[in-house]
Amino acid sequence: MKKLLLPLVLAGGTMAGAAAQAEDLRILLPSEFSTMDPMEILSGDQTMVMYHIYCRLYTFDDSMSPVPELVASEEVSEDGLSWTLHLRSGAMFHDDTPVTADAVRYMIERMREKGGSQQALFKAISEIEVIDETTVVLKTEKPFPALRNSLAHPNAGLLSPDADAAQGDAFGVNPVSCGPFEFVEWQRGSHIEVKKFDGFYREAGDVDGITFQFVPDVATRQFMMMRGEADVALRLGPAEAQQVSTVDSVRTMQLLGRNMFYGLNFAKAPTDDIRVRQAINHAVDKETIIDRVLQGAGRPSRSVLEAMLWGSIPVGTYEYDPEKAKALLDEAAPESRKLVLLSPDNRYLLDSQVSQAVAGYLTEAGFDVELKVIGDWAGYLDAVKTLDFNLYMLGWGGSTGDPDQVLQSLFKSPRAGKAWNYSSYVNTDMDAMIDDAGTTLDDEERRAKYAEIQEQLFADAPWLFMYRGANYTAVSDRVSEIHTLEGPSFHYVFTLPNE
């Protein structure tokens, strides 16, 4: 029997499944998103769908190492400043235009011009030189060992320049790339449909098409799986996973993934005071929240990076100590003890319930907490962008497998108040440390520098450190050979290499 591998990068893992015959699959997603334009990450569900449609220069193997996808061969200069990439011949976009070196240049320049947060992926590239139709040279002013990782990121997907020029702002709702599936339709509030792209540069497997159905209610996802109405359901809770596992034709997986935290606003009192930020961290009993609210689906955070990233170390934890929290708050003596806490609902596992518990602990410590729960993810992000909060909940992983992208996105001063440094963290010394580590070629030296960065960030308390969360995924027996991989935590990926 011909087997089809479906590597699925889930919340902290990669899954691979074999389909017995050519047919469509139905995947249940918890949330919808506004666009599939690669300039911005809005959710893991967004990038999971995009990974089917877009192709990239590199992709990730099971060890989260970047390996060539559209790159046939490469040469890197001795000083590490020049990367010559030779593209595969014959790759085509879904509009039947060829994938060329000019398309690579177009993708990078487009991201920079549009100004999305994912332009950080290409920040190190200082010059793009097209040699011929299948050869492009990427140059950097300083060594950048994570370049392959950045080019394997879901948002580094290539797109048809012709289609983008023709569609303009509508491209994000009708994307044209060169991945194993091509876009068919997007019915808002219902589903996205893709079909197998016959012009894919290699055999794409036996699945004819995939329907990604938006089902926000977790109980509905559970029952649809139990009734055999879907093949995969993402982000079930512990209770739903237990119910689904009673059905013989469905199995469940627990995957440890995102680093969950509450960003603390450095630009708004009272969280602009480090003593208040420390008090917040000591006020919340993370272990009890994991045990009682999450029903064991997580473990306490030990760093801003966590274990899914190369170079991460367990820095430590802010122990639950309500008396210390009260003492720190009294020492800071802020003019107001009011905290505005923003929380999504049904974006992450039991997110609003966790936020309610956090608000309770902070109230007990002496804060006046205003909890604002926003169920619509796009609406929640709009509220975060106003910066009118003291704490906001977010989950983050390592979608390149390298610390540079995380640190550049979340902690660089030029991004203060913007995606994704909504905490308005500003530290020019930290900027220099991040840039220095990101341009260090020797692995041991890099590890030491990232250790120092993690220790300093932990001391600065830019977050209320919470936990690395787990999610449960239900899989029909029509999909087999499931493999897990410690890796990216905020996007889900199906690709279809033929085994």
Protein backbone atom coordinates (compact mmCIF):
# COMPACT_ATOMS: atom_id res chain seq x y z
CA MET A 1 0.00 0.00 0.00
CA LYS A 2 1.28 3.42 -0.91
CA LYS A 3 1.71 5.48 2.23
CA LEU A 4 1.25 9.20 2.66
CA LEU A 5 3.06 11.06 5.41
CA LEU A 6 1.33 14.12 6.80
CA PRO A 7 3.84 15.88 9.07
CA LEU A 8 1.70 17.99 11.36
CA VAL A 9 3.53 20.53 13.49
CA LEU A 10 1.18 20.91 16.40
CA ALA A 11 1.32 22.70 19.71
CA GLY A 12 4.79 21.54 20.47
CA GLY A 13 4.89 18.58 18.16
CA THR A 14 4.96 17.17 14.68
CA MET A 15 2.61 14.42 13.66
CA ALA A 16 2.74 12.26 10.58
CA GLY A 17 -0.15 10.16 9.35
CA ALA A 18 -0.75 7.75 6.48
CA ALA A 19 -3.97 7.83 4.48
CA ALA A 20 -5.04 4.52 2.94
CA GLN A 21 -6.48 5.92 -0.28
CA ALA A 22 -6.92 9.09 -2.25
CA GLU A 23 -9.68 11.15 -0.63
CA ASP A 24 -10.36 14.37 1.20
CA LEU A 25 -9.58 15.10 4.82
CA ARG A 26 -11.52 17.30 7.23
CA ILE A 27 -9.57 19.16 9.91
CA LEU A 28 -11.34 20.99 12.74
CA LEU A 29 -9.77 24.31 13.77
CA PRO A 30 -10.69 26.23 16.94
CA SER A 31 -10.48 29.72 15.43
CA GLU A 32 -10.72 31.68 12.22
CA PHE A 33 -8.31 34.42 11.18
CA SER A 34 -8.47 37.44 8.91
CA THR A 35 -5.82 36.72 6.29
CA MET A 36 -3.31 34.25 4.90
CA ASP A 37 -0.86 36.94 3.84
CA PRO A 38 2.60 35.85 5.05
CA MET A 39 3.53 39.35 6.26
CA GLU A 40 2.02 38.69 9.68
CA ILE A 41 1.37 35.86 12.13
CA LEU A 42 -2.11 36.06 13.62
CA SER A 43 -2.56 32.53 14.93
CA GLY A 44 -1.28 29.00 14.76
CA ASP A 45 -4.34 27.96 12.80
CA GLN A 46 -3.47 30.58 10.19
CA THR A 47 0.06 29.32 9.64
CA MET A 48 -1.08 25.68 9.69
CA VAL A 49 -3.37 26.29 6.72
CA MET A 50 -0.73 28.44 5.00
CA TYR A 51 1.86 25.69 5.26
CA HIS A 52 -0.21 23.59 2.88
CA ILE A 53 -0.50 26.36 0.30
CA TYR A 54 2.91 28.03 0.46
CA CYS A 55 6.31 26.59 -0.40
CA ARG A 56 9.59 27.79 1.12
CA LEU A 57 13.30 27.71 0.40
CA TYR A 58 13.86 25.45 3.42
CA THR A 59 11.66 23.39 5.69
CA PHE A 60 12.18 21.57 9.01
CA ASP A 61 12.99 17.92 9.54
CA ASP A 62 11.86 15.89 12.55
CA SER A 63 14.68 17.27 14.69
CA MET A 64 13.62 20.86 13.92
CA SER A 65 16.68 21.41 11.77
CA PRO A 66 16.27 23.37 8.52
CA VAL A 67 16.66 21.29 5.37
CA PRO A 68 16.33 22.35 1.71
CA GLU A 69 12.87 22.45 0.15
CA LEU A 70 13.12 24.57 -3.02
CA VAL A 71 16.87 24.98 -2.63
CA ALA A 72 18.68 22.35 -4.71
CA SER A 73 22.14 23.33 -3.44
CA GLU A 74 23.85 26.14 -1.56
CA GLU A 75 27.26 27.69 -1.06
CA VAL A 76 28.11 29.80 1.98
CA SER A 77 31.17 32.03 1.89
CA GLU A 78 33.98 31.39 4.37
CA ASP A 79 33.15 34.56 6.29
CA GLY A 80 29.47 33.57 6.47
CA LEU A 81 28.30 36.79 4.79
CA SER A 82 27.23 35.46 1.39
CA TRP A 83 24.72 32.66 0.74
CA THR A 84 24.36 31.44 -2.85
CA LEU A 85 21.16 29.47 -3.29
CA HIS A 86 20.43 27.38 -6.39
CA LEU A 87 16.72 26.65 -6.82
CA ARG A 88 15.14 23.46 -8.06
CA SER A 89 14.18 23.56 -11.71
CA GLY A 90 10.58 23.08 -12.72
CA ALA A 91 8.83 24.38 -9.61
CA MET A 92 5.65 26.27 -10.51
CA PHE A 93 3.24 28.61 -8.75
CA HIS A 94 -0.43 27.72 -8.71
CA ASP A 95 -1.08 30.25 -11.50
CA ASP A 96 1.34 28.33 -13.77
CA THR A 97 4.12 30.92 -13.54
CA PRO A 98 7.61 29.61 -12.71
CA VAL A 99 9.28 29.85 -9.30
CA THR A 100 12.40 31.92 -9.94
CA ALA A 101 15.17 33.75 -8.14
CA ASP A 102 13.25 36.96 -8.86
CA ALA A 103 10.32 35.54 -6.90
CA VAL A 104 12.63 35.00 -3.92
CA ARG A 105 13.73 38.63 -4.10
CA TYR A 106 10.12 39.73 -4.50
CA MET A 107 9.03 37.84 -1.37
CA ILE A 108 11.72 39.40 0.82
CA GLU A 109 11.32 42.94 -0.52
CA ARG A 110 7.52 42.71 -0.25
CA MET A 111 7.73 41.79 3.42
CA ARG A 112 10.01 44.74 4.10
CA GLU A 113 7.79 47.17 2.20
CA LYS A 114 4.60 46.05 3.90
CA GLY A 115 6.23 46.26 7.32
CA GLY A 116 4.68 43.22 9.00
CA SER A 117 6.26 41.87 12.17
CA GLN A 118 7.69 38.93 10.23
CA GLN A 119 10.09 41.21 8.40
CA ALA A 120 12.33 40.29 11.34
CA LEU A 121 12.93 37.01 9.53
CA PHE A 122 14.87 38.91 6.85
CA LYS A 123 16.37 41.64 9.01
CA ALA A 124 19.89 40.25 8.64
CA ILE A 125 19.77 40.27 4.82
CA SER A 126 21.46 43.43 3.53
CA GLU A 127 21.52 42.65 -0.20
CA ILE A 128 19.72 40.35 -2.64
CA GLU A 129 21.43 39.61 -5.93
CA VAL A 130 19.71 37.64 -8.69
CA ILE A 131 22.36 35.85 -10.78
CA ASP A 132 20.07 33.99 -13.15
CA GLU A 133 16.61 32.43 -13.18
CA THR A 134 17.44 29.83 -10.54
CA THR A 135 20.32 31.43 -8.60
CA VAL A 136 20.03 34.07 -5.91
CA VAL A 137 22.68 35.41 -3.52
CA LEU A 138 21.66 36.64 -0.07
CA LYS A 139 24.24 38.83 1.66
CA THR A 140 24.46 39.88 5.29
CA GLU A 141 26.56 42.58 6.92
CA LYS A 142 27.31 40.26 9.84
CA PRO A 143 27.27 36.47 10.09
CA PHE A 144 23.74 35.16 10.66
CA PRO A 145 23.83 31.42 11.41
CA ALA A 146 20.03 31.24 11.79
CA LEU A 147 19.32 32.27 8.18
CA ARG A 148 18.21 28.79 7.10
CA ASN A 149 15.91 28.65 10.13
CA SER A 150 14.35 31.98 9.22
CA LEU A 151 13.83 30.90 5.61
CA ALA A 152 12.07 27.73 6.81
CA HIS A 153 9.57 29.75 8.84
CA PRO A 154 5.92 29.45 7.71
CA ASN A 155 5.81 33.19 6.98
CA ALA A 156 8.80 32.95 4.65
CA GLY A 157 6.55 31.36 2.05
CA LEU A 158 7.08 32.29 -1.58
CA LEU A 159 4.18 33.85 -3.48
CA SER A 160 3.41 34.51 -7.11
CA PRO A 161 4.50 38.07 -7.96
CA ASP A 162 1.95 38.18 -10.81
CA ALA A 163 -0.95 37.15 -8.58
CA ASP A 164 0.10 39.54 -5.83
CA ALA A 165 0.33 42.47 -8.26
CA ALA A 166 -3.07 41.62 -9.74
CA GLN A 167 -4.89 41.15 -6.43
CA GLY A 168 -3.31 43.80 -4.25
CA ASP A 169 -4.81 43.85 -0.75
CA ALA A 170 -7.06 40.89 -1.62
CA PHE A 171 -4.11 38.49 -1.89
CA GLY A 172 -4.46 37.36 1.72
CA VAL A 173 -7.91 35.91 1.04
CA ASN A 174 -6.95 34.28 -2.28
CA PRO A 175 -3.29 33.24 -1.88
CA VAL A 176 -1.26 31.87 -4.78
CA SER A 177 1.97 30.06 -3.96
CA CYS A 178 3.71 26.83 -4.94
CA GLY A 179 2.93 24.37 -2.15
CA PRO A 180 1.38 20.89 -2.47
CA PHE A 181 -2.17 22.30 -2.26
CA GLU A 182 -3.77 25.22 -4.03
CA PHE A 183 -6.45 27.48 -2.59
CA VAL A 184 -10.05 26.79 -3.64
CA GLU A 185 -12.38 28.85 -1.45
CA TRP A 186 -12.81 30.58 1.89
CA GLN A 187 -16.33 30.76 3.27
CA ARG A 188 -16.11 33.15 6.21
CA GLY A 189 -17.28 31.63 9.45
CA SER A 190 -17.32 28.15 7.93
CA HIS A 191 -14.23 26.73 6.24
CA ILE A 192 -11.25 26.98 3.92
CA GLU A 193 -10.89 24.42 1.15
CA VAL A 194 -7.70 23.46 -0.68
CA LYS A 195 -7.07 20.86 -3.36
CA LYS A 196 -4.03 18.90 -4.47
CA PHE A 197 -1.83 20.91 -6.85
CA ASP A 198 -1.06 18.74 -9.86
CA GLY A 199 1.88 20.96 -10.83
CA PHE A 200 3.74 20.46 -7.54
CA TYR A 201 7.43 19.89 -8.22
CA ARG A 202 7.39 16.43 -6.63
CA GLU A 203 4.83 13.73 -5.79
CA ALA A 204 2.51 15.26 -3.22
CA GLY A 205 0.84 12.12 -1.93
CA ASP A 206 -2.64 10.63 -2.05
CA VAL A 207 -4.89 13.22 -0.42
CA ASP A 208 -7.01 14.99 -3.03
CA GLY A 209 -8.07 17.88 -0.83
CA ILE A 210 -8.44 19.21 2.70
CA THR A 211 -11.28 21.14 4.28
CA PHE A 212 -10.24 23.21 7.28
CA GLN A 213 -13.46 23.76 9.20
CA PHE A 214 -13.75 26.48 11.85
CA VAL A 215 -15.38 25.05 14.98
CA PRO A 216 -14.79 27.38 17.94
CA ASP A 217 -16.69 25.31 20.50
CA VAL A 218 -14.45 22.60 21.92
CA ALA A 219 -17.38 20.33 22.81
CA THR A 220 -18.59 20.47 19.22
CA ARG A 221 -15.13 19.47 17.96
CA GLN A 222 -15.23 16.58 20.42
CA PHE A 223 -18.63 15.30 19.29
CA MET A 224 -17.82 15.69 15.60
CA MET A 225 -14.79 13.43 16.08
CA MET A 226 -16.81 10.94 18.10
CA ARG A 227 -19.46 10.81 15.35
CA GLY A 228 -16.84 10.29 12.62
CA GLU A 229 -17.50 13.66 10.98
CA ALA A 230 -13.84 14.73 10.87
CA ASP A 231 -10.35 13.27 10.65
CA VAL A 232 -8.44 15.54 13.03
CA ALA A 233 -9.58 17.94 15.76
CA LEU A 234 -7.08 20.40 17.20
CA ARG A 235 -6.72 21.81 20.71
CA LEU A 236 -9.09 19.72 22.76
CA GLY A 237 -9.07 20.10 26.53
CA PRO A 238 -8.32 17.27 28.96
CA ALA A 239 -12.00 16.50 29.55
CA GLU A 240 -12.82 16.42 25.84
CA ALA A 241 -9.77 14.28 25.11
CA GLN A 242 -10.88 11.77 27.71
CA GLN A 243 -14.34 11.53 26.15
CA VAL A 244 -12.98 11.17 22.61
CA SER A 245 -10.62 8.39 23.67
CA THR A 246 -13.63 6.20 24.55
CA VAL A 247 -14.34 5.83 20.81
CA ASP A 248 -12.43 2.92 19.28
CA SER A 249 -11.88 4.66 15.94
CA VAL A 250 -10.31 7.80 17.50
CA ARG A 251 -7.10 8.27 19.45
CA THR A 252 -5.73 11.31 21.25
CA MET A 253 -2.29 12.82 21.71
CA GLN A 254 -1.02 15.23 24.33
CA LEU A 255 1.52 17.67 22.88
CA LEU A 256 3.50 20.09 25.02
CA GLY A 257 3.93 23.38 23.23
CA ARG A 258 3.48 27.11 23.65
CA ASN A 259 5.15 29.14 26.35
CA MET A 260 2.14 30.83 27.98
CA PHE A 261 2.61 34.17 29.71
CA TYR A 262 1.08 37.55 30.44
CA GLY A 263 3.03 40.43 28.94
CA LEU A 264 3.49 43.21 31.51
CA ASN A 265 3.21 46.76 30.16
CA PHE A 266 6.40 48.75 30.82
CA ALA A 267 4.75 51.92 29.53
CA LYS A 268 1.76 51.96 31.91
CA ALA A 269 1.67 52.35 35.69
CA PRO A 270 1.95 50.46 37.93
CA THR A 271 3.62 47.72 35.84
CA ASP A 272 6.34 50.18 34.81
CA ASP A 273 7.87 49.47 38.26
CA ILE A 274 9.98 46.31 38.47
CA ARG A 275 8.85 45.75 42.06
CA VAL A 276 5.25 45.60 40.89
CA ARG A 277 6.18 43.17 38.12
CA GLN A 278 8.00 40.99 40.64
CA ALA A 279 5.02 41.20 42.99
CA ILE A 280 2.72 40.02 40.21
CA ASN A 281 4.96 37.02 39.56
CA HIS A 282 5.11 36.03 43.22
CA ALA A 283 1.36 36.54 43.70
CA VAL A 284 0.21 33.82 41.29
CA ASP A 285 0.30 30.12 42.15
CA LYS A 286 1.17 28.63 38.76
CA GLU A 287 1.37 25.02 40.05
CA THR A 288 -2.17 25.14 41.40
CA ILE A 289 -3.48 26.68 38.18
CA ILE A 290 -1.82 23.89 36.18
CA ASP A 291 -3.23 21.20 38.48
CA ARG A 292 -6.75 22.51 39.05
CA VAL A 293 -7.60 24.66 36.03
CA LEU A 294 -5.57 22.93 33.31
CA GLN A 295 -6.02 19.49 34.89
CA GLY A 296 -2.31 18.84 34.61
CA ALA A 297 -1.92 19.98 30.99
CA GLY A 298 1.27 22.00 31.39
CA ARG A 299 4.41 22.66 33.37
CA PRO A 300 5.77 25.88 34.91
CA SER A 301 7.80 28.21 32.67
CA ARG A 302 11.51 28.47 33.42
CA SER A 303 12.62 30.91 30.72
CA VAL A 304 11.44 33.24 27.95
CA LEU A 305 12.60 30.59 25.48
CA GLU A 306 11.63 27.22 26.95
CA ALA A 307 12.82 23.83 25.76
CA MET A 308 11.51 23.86 22.19
CA LEU A 309 14.31 26.21 21.12
CA TRP A 310 18.01 25.63 20.55
CA GLY A 311 20.03 27.29 23.31
CA SER A 312 17.22 27.43 25.87
CA ILE A 313 18.05 26.88 29.53
CA PRO A 314 15.86 26.59 32.66
CA VAL A 315 16.65 29.94 34.29
CA GLY A 316 14.39 29.56 37.30
CA THR A 317 10.95 30.46 38.60
CA TYR A 318 9.22 33.08 40.68
CA GLU A 319 7.95 31.01 43.60
CA TYR A 320 4.40 31.49 44.82
CA ASP A 321 4.85 33.75 47.85
CA PRO A 322 1.81 35.98 48.49
CA GLU A 323 3.42 37.65 51.47
CA LYS A 324 6.47 38.63 49.44
CA ALA A 325 4.15 39.90 46.73
CA LYS A 326 2.33 42.12 49.22
CA ALA A 327 5.64 43.39 50.65
CA LEU A 328 6.96 44.28 47.19
CA LEU A 329 3.71 46.06 46.36
CA ASP A 330 3.85 48.03 49.60
CA GLU A 331 7.47 48.94 48.92
CA ALA A 332 6.61 50.19 45.44
CA ALA A 333 3.61 52.11 46.84
CA PRO A 334 2.12 52.89 43.43
CA GLU A 335 -0.34 55.75 43.16
CA SER A 336 -2.91 53.24 41.90
CA ARG A 337 -3.03 49.49 42.34
CA LYS A 338 -5.42 48.98 39.46
CA LEU A 339 -4.45 46.41 36.85
CA VAL A 340 -6.20 45.97 33.50
CA LEU A 341 -5.90 42.31 32.50
CA LEU A 342 -6.76 41.34 28.90
CA SER A 343 -7.60 37.73 28.14
CA PRO A 344 -8.71 35.84 25.03
CA ASP A 345 -11.40 33.20 25.26
CA ASN A 346 -11.11 29.83 23.49
CA ARG A 347 -7.84 30.78 21.80
CA TYR A 348 -5.68 28.71 24.14
CA LEU A 349 -6.55 25.81 26.39
CA LEU A 350 -8.91 27.10 29.12
CA ASP A 351 -7.45 30.58 28.65
CA SER A 352 -10.25 32.68 30.16
CA GLN A 353 -10.52 30.29 33.11
CA VAL A 354 -6.78 30.65 33.73
CA SER A 355 -7.17 34.44 33.55
CA GLN A 356 -9.97 34.35 36.09
CA ALA A 357 -7.70 32.42 38.46
CA VAL A 358 -4.84 34.88 37.86
CA ALA A 359 -7.17 37.81 38.56
CA GLY A 360 -8.20 36.16 41.82
CA TYR A 361 -4.62 35.69 42.99
CA LEU A 362 -3.71 39.28 42.10
CA THR A 363 -6.75 40.58 43.98
CA GLU A 364 -5.71 38.60 47.05
CA ALA A 365 -2.27 40.22 46.83
CA GLY A 366 -3.79 43.70 47.03
CA PHE A 367 -4.33 44.68 43.40
CA ASP A 368 -7.55 46.11 41.98
CA VAL A 369 -8.01 43.93 38.88
CA GLU A 370 -10.24 44.69 35.91
CA LEU A 371 -10.48 41.51 33.83
CA LYS A 372 -11.52 41.99 30.20
CA VAL A 373 -12.25 38.76 28.32
CA ILE A 374 -12.57 39.07 24.53
CA GLY A 375 -13.79 36.00 22.66
CA ASP A 376 -13.00 37.06 19.11
CA TRP A 377 -9.25 36.61 18.44
CA ALA A 378 -9.01 39.45 15.94
CA GLY A 379 -10.90 41.70 18.36
CA TYR A 380 -8.60 40.64 21.17
CA LEU A 381 -5.51 41.58 19.15
CA ASP A 382 -7.10 44.94 18.32
CA ALA A 383 -7.56 45.55 22.06
CA VAL A 384 -3.94 44.60 22.76
CA LYS A 385 -2.73 47.00 20.07
CA THR A 386 -4.26 49.94 21.97
CA LEU A 387 -1.72 49.23 24.74
CA ASP A 388 -4.42 50.05 27.31
CA PHE A 389 -3.59 47.15 29.60
CA ASN A 390 -1.20 46.09 32.34
CA LEU A 391 -1.25 42.40 31.51
CA TYR A 392 -2.24 40.57 28.35
CA MET A 393 -2.23 36.84 27.74
CA LEU A 394 -0.20 35.36 24.90
CA GLY A 395 1.31 32.06 23.88
CA TRP A 396 4.57 31.94 21.96
CA GLY A 397 6.76 29.21 20.58
CA GLY A 398 9.84 28.85 18.46
CA SER A 399 8.72 28.69 14.88
CA THR A 400 12.27 28.84 13.52
CA GLY A 401 13.80 26.56 16.14
CA ASP A 402 16.35 29.31 16.86
CA PRO A 403 16.18 31.96 19.63
CA ASP A 404 16.91 34.91 17.35
CA GLN A 405 13.41 35.26 15.89
CA VAL A 406 11.73 35.06 19.31
CA LEU A 407 14.03 37.62 20.89
CA GLN A 408 13.96 39.98 17.90
CA SER A 409 10.15 39.90 17.83
CA LEU A 410 9.38 40.18 21.53
CA PHE A 411 12.16 42.20 23.12
CA LYS A 412 13.87 44.56 20.69
CA SER A 413 13.43 48.26 21.57
CA PRO A 414 12.48 49.42 18.02
CA ARG A 415 9.42 47.18 18.25
CA ALA A 416 8.23 48.61 21.59
CA GLY A 417 4.47 49.05 21.46
CA LYS A 418 4.26 47.13 18.17
CA ALA A 419 3.81 43.48 17.20
CA TRP A 420 4.96 41.56 19.12
CA ASN A 421 6.64 43.73 21.73
CA TYR A 422 3.31 44.99 23.04
CA SER A 423 4.83 45.03 26.52
CA SER A 424 6.84 48.06 25.32
CA TYR A 425 10.02 46.52 26.69
CA VAL A 426 12.95 48.87 26.02
CA ASN A 427 16.53 48.01 26.92
CA THR A 428 19.29 49.13 24.56
CA ASP A 429 21.81 46.90 26.33
CA MET A 430 19.53 43.94 25.64
CA ASP A 431 19.24 45.03 21.99
CA ALA A 432 23.01 44.80 21.67
CA MET A 433 23.10 41.42 23.44
CA ILE A 434 20.44 39.97 21.12
CA ASP A 435 22.19 41.22 18.00
CA ASP A 436 25.56 39.96 19.23
CA ALA A 437 24.27 36.46 19.97
CA GLY A 438 22.45 36.31 16.65
CA THR A 439 25.65 36.98 14.69
CA THR A 440 27.93 34.60 16.61
CA LEU A 441 29.00 31.59 14.53
CA ASP A 442 30.56 29.43 17.25
CA ASP A 443 27.80 27.32 18.83
CA GLU A 444 29.25 27.23 22.34
CA GLU A 445 29.76 30.98 22.37
CA ARG A 446 26.20 31.45 21.15
CA ARG A 447 24.82 29.20 23.86
CA ALA A 448 26.65 31.17 26.54
CA LYS A 449 25.33 34.45 25.18
CA TYR A 450 21.77 33.19 25.03
CA ALA A 451 22.10 31.93 28.60
CA GLU A 452 23.06 35.44 29.72
CA ILE A 453 20.15 36.93 27.76
CA GLN A 454 17.65 34.56 29.35
CA GLU A 455 18.92 35.28 32.84
CA GLN A 456 18.71 39.05 32.32
CA LEU A 457 15.23 38.92 30.84
CA PHE A 458 14.02 36.73 33.68
CA ALA A 459 15.39 39.30 36.16
CA ASP A 460 13.69 42.17 34.28
CA ALA A 461 10.33 40.37 34.65
CA PRO A 462 8.81 41.47 31.32
CA TRP A 463 6.15 38.78 31.78
CA LEU A 464 4.06 37.11 34.37
CA PHE A 465 5.72 33.75 33.68
CA MET A 466 3.11 31.00 33.62
CA TYR A 467 3.55 27.61 31.97
CA ARG A 468 4.38 25.68 28.88
CA GLY A 469 0.94 24.49 27.88
CA ALA A 470 -0.22 21.17 26.54
CA ASN A 471 -2.95 20.53 24.01
CA TYR A 472 -4.78 17.40 22.99
CA THR A 473 -5.34 16.39 19.39
CA ALA A 474 -7.89 13.80 18.30
CA VAL A 475 -7.06 11.70 15.24
CA SER A 476 -9.30 9.35 13.31
CA ASP A 477 -8.10 5.85 12.51
CA ARG A 478 -8.12 6.91 8.84
CA VAL A 479 -4.85 8.70 9.70
CA SER A 480 -2.03 6.54 11.04
CA GLU A 481 1.67 6.52 11.97
CA ILE A 482 1.62 9.44 14.36
CA HIS A 483 5.01 10.88 15.36
CA THR A 484 5.66 13.70 17.79
CA LEU A 485 8.41 16.29 17.65
CA GLU A 486 9.46 18.97 20.11
CA GLY A 487 9.31 22.07 17.97
CA PRO A 488 7.23 25.07 16.95
CA SER A 489 4.33 25.67 19.26
CA PHE A 490 2.06 28.13 17.58
CA HIS A 491 1.46 26.71 14.12
CA TYR A 492 0.05 23.52 12.74
CA VAL A 493 1.53 22.11 9.56
CA PHE A 494 0.47 19.48 7.10
CA THR A 495 2.88 18.77 4.23
CA LEU A 496 2.65 15.81 1.96
CA PRO A 497 5.94 14.16 1.02
CA ASN A 498 5.61 10.69 -0.47
CA GLU A 499 7.28 7.90 1.49
